Protein backbone atom coordinates (compact mmCIF):
# COMPACT_ATOMS: atom_id res chain seq x y z
CA MET A 1 20.12 -104.42 221.80
CA THR A 2 18.38 -101.33 220.37
CA GLY A 3 17.01 -101.25 216.84
CA ALA A 4 19.95 -99.23 215.60
CA GLY A 5 22.40 -101.50 217.42
CA ALA A 6 20.83 -104.63 215.93
CA ILE A 7 21.07 -103.24 212.39
CA LEU A 8 24.67 -102.17 212.92
CA ASP A 9 25.48 -105.67 214.20
CA LEU A 10 23.88 -107.19 211.08
CA LEU A 11 25.90 -104.82 208.90
CA ASP A 12 29.11 -105.81 210.71
CA ARG A 13 28.40 -109.48 209.94
CA TYR A 14 27.56 -108.62 206.36
CA ASP A 15 30.83 -106.70 205.95
CA ARG A 16 32.76 -109.77 207.10
CA ALA A 17 30.94 -111.93 204.55
CA TRP A 18 30.98 -109.38 201.67
CA PRO A 19 33.90 -106.95 202.33
CA ALA A 20 33.86 -105.60 198.77
CA GLU A 21 30.44 -104.06 199.45
CA ALA A 22 31.54 -101.87 202.37
CA ALA A 23 30.61 -98.64 200.56
CA THR A 24 26.96 -99.70 200.45
CA THR A 25 26.84 -100.74 204.09
CA ALA A 26 28.53 -97.44 205.02
CA ARG A 27 25.57 -95.60 203.48
CA VAL A 28 23.12 -97.64 205.56
CA ARG A 29 25.22 -97.09 208.70
CA ALA A 30 25.22 -93.33 208.08
CA LEU A 31 21.42 -93.31 207.79
CA VAL A 32 20.94 -95.38 210.96
CA ALA A 33 23.40 -93.21 212.90
CA SER A 34 21.87 -89.91 211.79
CA ARG A 35 18.13 -90.57 211.83
CA ALA A 36 16.29 -92.03 214.83
CA ASP A 37 13.24 -92.36 212.54
CA CYS A 38 15.12 -94.41 209.89
CA PHE A 39 12.67 -97.33 210.28
CA GLU A 40 9.67 -95.13 209.41
CA ARG A 41 8.45 -94.76 205.84
CA THR A 42 8.05 -91.02 206.47
CA CYS A 43 11.84 -90.59 206.77
CA PHE A 44 12.58 -89.23 203.29
CA THR A 45 15.95 -87.58 203.78
CA PRO A 46 17.74 -89.43 202.44
CA GLY A 47 15.37 -92.38 202.90
CA HIS A 48 14.53 -95.26 205.22
CA VAL A 49 15.40 -98.86 206.04
CA THR A 50 13.42 -101.54 204.21
CA GLY A 51 13.61 -105.33 204.08
CA SER A 52 13.18 -107.76 201.24
CA ALA A 53 13.81 -111.38 200.36
CA MET A 54 15.05 -113.60 197.61
CA ILE A 55 12.48 -116.37 198.03
CA VAL A 56 13.48 -119.66 196.46
CA SER A 57 11.42 -122.79 196.04
CA ALA A 58 12.00 -125.82 198.24
CA ASP A 59 13.94 -127.49 195.39
CA HIS A 60 16.10 -124.34 194.89
CA ARG A 61 15.20 -124.20 191.18
CA HIS A 62 12.82 -121.23 191.13
CA CYS A 63 12.60 -117.81 192.75
CA LEU A 64 9.45 -115.88 193.48
CA LEU A 65 9.02 -112.45 191.91
CA THR A 66 6.24 -109.91 192.23
CA HIS A 67 5.16 -107.58 189.47
CA HIS A 68 5.15 -104.49 191.69
CA ARG A 69 1.97 -102.44 191.33
CA LYS A 70 3.55 -99.00 191.94
CA LEU A 71 6.88 -99.54 190.17
CA GLY A 72 5.60 -101.70 187.29
CA ARG A 73 8.60 -104.05 187.41
CA TRP A 74 9.32 -107.65 188.42
CA LEU A 75 11.16 -107.54 191.76
CA GLN A 76 11.84 -109.56 194.89
CA LEU A 77 9.21 -109.32 197.64
CA GLY A 78 9.67 -106.89 200.51
CA GLY A 79 8.63 -103.62 202.01
CA HIS A 80 8.72 -101.01 204.72
CA ALA A 81 9.80 -101.61 208.29
CA ASP A 82 6.98 -99.35 209.59
CA GLY A 83 8.92 -98.66 212.77
CA ASP A 84 10.05 -102.24 213.41
CA PRO A 85 13.86 -102.45 213.72
CA ARG A 86 13.78 -106.29 213.66
CA ILE A 87 14.43 -106.36 209.95
CA ASP A 88 14.39 -110.17 209.69
CA GLU A 89 10.86 -110.11 211.14
CA VAL A 90 9.92 -107.36 208.67
CA VAL A 91 11.14 -109.55 205.81
CA LEU A 92 9.13 -112.55 207.00
CA ARG A 93 6.01 -110.38 207.50
CA GLU A 94 6.31 -108.91 204.02
CA ALA A 95 6.94 -112.31 202.42
CA ARG A 96 3.77 -113.67 204.04
CA GLU A 97 1.64 -110.62 203.20
CA GLU A 98 2.79 -110.39 199.59
CA SER A 99 2.83 -114.10 198.70
CA GLY A 100 0.04 -115.65 200.78
CA MET A 101 2.50 -118.33 201.88
CA VAL A 102 3.27 -118.80 205.57
CA HIS A 103 6.13 -121.31 205.83
CA PHE A 104 9.68 -120.14 205.15
CA ASP A 105 13.14 -121.11 206.31
CA LEU A 106 15.38 -118.09 206.83
CA PHE A 107 18.83 -118.93 205.48
CA ARG A 108 21.42 -118.49 208.25
CA PRO A 109 24.94 -119.22 207.01
CA GLY A 110 26.86 -120.93 209.81
CA GLY A 111 23.81 -120.50 212.04
CA ALA A 112 24.14 -116.69 212.22
CA LEU A 113 21.61 -114.14 211.02
CA VAL A 114 23.35 -112.29 208.18
CA PRO A 115 21.73 -110.28 205.40
CA TYR A 116 22.05 -112.00 202.05
CA ASP A 117 22.44 -108.66 200.29
CA VAL A 118 22.37 -104.94 201.07
CA ASP A 119 21.20 -102.45 198.47
CA VAL A 120 20.51 -98.71 198.41
CA HIS A 121 18.27 -97.60 195.57
CA VAL A 122 16.17 -94.57 194.66
CA ILE A 123 12.40 -94.72 194.68
CA PRO A 124 10.96 -92.14 192.27
CA ALA A 125 8.64 -89.38 193.47
CA ARG A 126 5.00 -90.43 193.44
CA GLY A 127 2.02 -88.34 194.50
CA SER A 128 2.93 -86.42 197.65
CA GLU A 129 6.01 -88.55 198.33
CA PRO A 130 9.32 -87.10 197.19
CA ALA A 131 11.99 -89.24 195.58
CA HIS A 132 13.87 -91.03 198.33
CA GLU A 133 16.16 -93.99 199.00
CA HIS A 134 15.36 -97.45 200.25
CA HIS A 135 18.23 -98.81 202.34
CA ASP A 136 17.26 -102.43 201.79
CA LEU A 137 18.53 -105.34 203.87
CA ARG A 138 17.78 -108.52 201.96
CA PHE A 139 17.57 -112.07 203.23
CA LEU A 140 17.34 -115.47 201.58
CA LEU A 141 14.16 -117.43 202.30
CA VAL A 142 13.36 -120.97 201.24
CA ALA A 143 9.62 -121.48 200.84
CA GLY A 144 8.02 -124.61 202.23
CA ALA A 145 6.77 -126.94 199.48
CA GLY A 146 3.13 -127.14 198.44
CA GLN A 147 1.97 -123.64 199.40
CA GLU A 148 -0.44 -121.70 197.22
CA LEU A 149 0.31 -118.17 196.14
CA VAL A 150 -2.12 -115.30 196.77
CA VAL A 151 -1.53 -112.03 194.92
CA SER A 152 -1.75 -109.04 197.29
CA ASP A 153 -3.02 -105.54 196.56
CA GLU A 154 0.61 -104.41 196.22
CA SER A 155 1.17 -106.55 193.16
CA HIS A 156 -0.16 -107.17 189.68
CA ASP A 157 1.07 -110.75 189.72
CA LEU A 158 3.39 -113.29 191.31
CA ALA A 159 5.51 -115.81 189.41
CA TRP A 160 7.80 -118.71 190.25
CA VAL A 161 10.60 -117.95 187.82
CA PRO A 162 13.23 -120.54 186.87
CA ILE A 163 16.41 -119.13 188.41
CA ALA A 164 18.33 -119.85 185.22
CA GLU A 165 15.82 -117.71 183.26
CA LEU A 166 15.62 -114.69 185.57
CA GLU A 167 16.60 -112.30 182.73
CA ARG A 168 13.30 -113.08 180.99
CA TYR A 169 11.57 -111.15 183.79
CA THR A 170 14.04 -108.49 184.87
CA ASP A 171 17.23 -106.72 183.92
CA GLU A 172 17.49 -105.11 187.39
CA ASP A 173 21.10 -105.62 188.45
CA SER A 174 20.15 -105.74 192.12
CA VAL A 175 17.80 -108.67 191.46
CA LEU A 176 20.31 -110.46 189.23
CA ARG A 177 22.95 -109.96 191.95
CA LEU A 178 20.73 -111.96 194.31
CA ARG A 179 21.02 -114.92 191.93
CA ARG A 180 24.80 -114.53 191.69
CA LYS A 181 25.02 -114.81 195.50
CA LEU A 182 23.05 -118.05 195.80
CA PRO A 183 25.03 -120.54 197.88
CA TRP A 184 24.09 -123.52 195.69
C-alpha cells in the first residue's frame, strides 16, 4: 500500500473508532489527497503530516511530556515524518530520539493499528518558515519500565507527569484530550 493509501486506511479505522471527529480526519484526508509531498516538512500549504505519542509509564500512572524548545510549552513527544509515510514508525523514532528510551509497546486496540488521536493545529511562523498546520496522527505508547530519560536538543526538559495532575503542566486541550481517551 502506498504512503497515502496507508494513511487513508488508518484514518478509516480512526473514523470507525471516533466517528464524532470526522471533520478533523476529513482535513487530513484532503491534505493527503491534494499534496504528494504531504510527508515533507517543506509542505507549508496548508501544512504537513506529523506523528506524536501519548507515552505512559509501565504502571499507567504517569505520562511523559517534553518542554518543547521552539514552542516553549509542555507537550507530548513527536515530530516530522521527513518523507516517511509509515507514521507509526515515525512516532516510534521520535519517541526514541526525544526521550532517550528505546522500549515501547504500541497500543493496538483489538490488535489493529489505529491512531489514538488525530489533531490539526497551527504552528506559528518562525524565522523563514511561514505559519502552517501540523496534521498530527497520535498513537499511545507504553514505555518499558526502568529506562532512563535523556533530554534531546529539541527540548528544555522532560517530565513524568502524574496523569491526574496533567493540568499543572499544560492547559492545551489537545494534550488534555489524550488523557480523556485513555482506555484505563
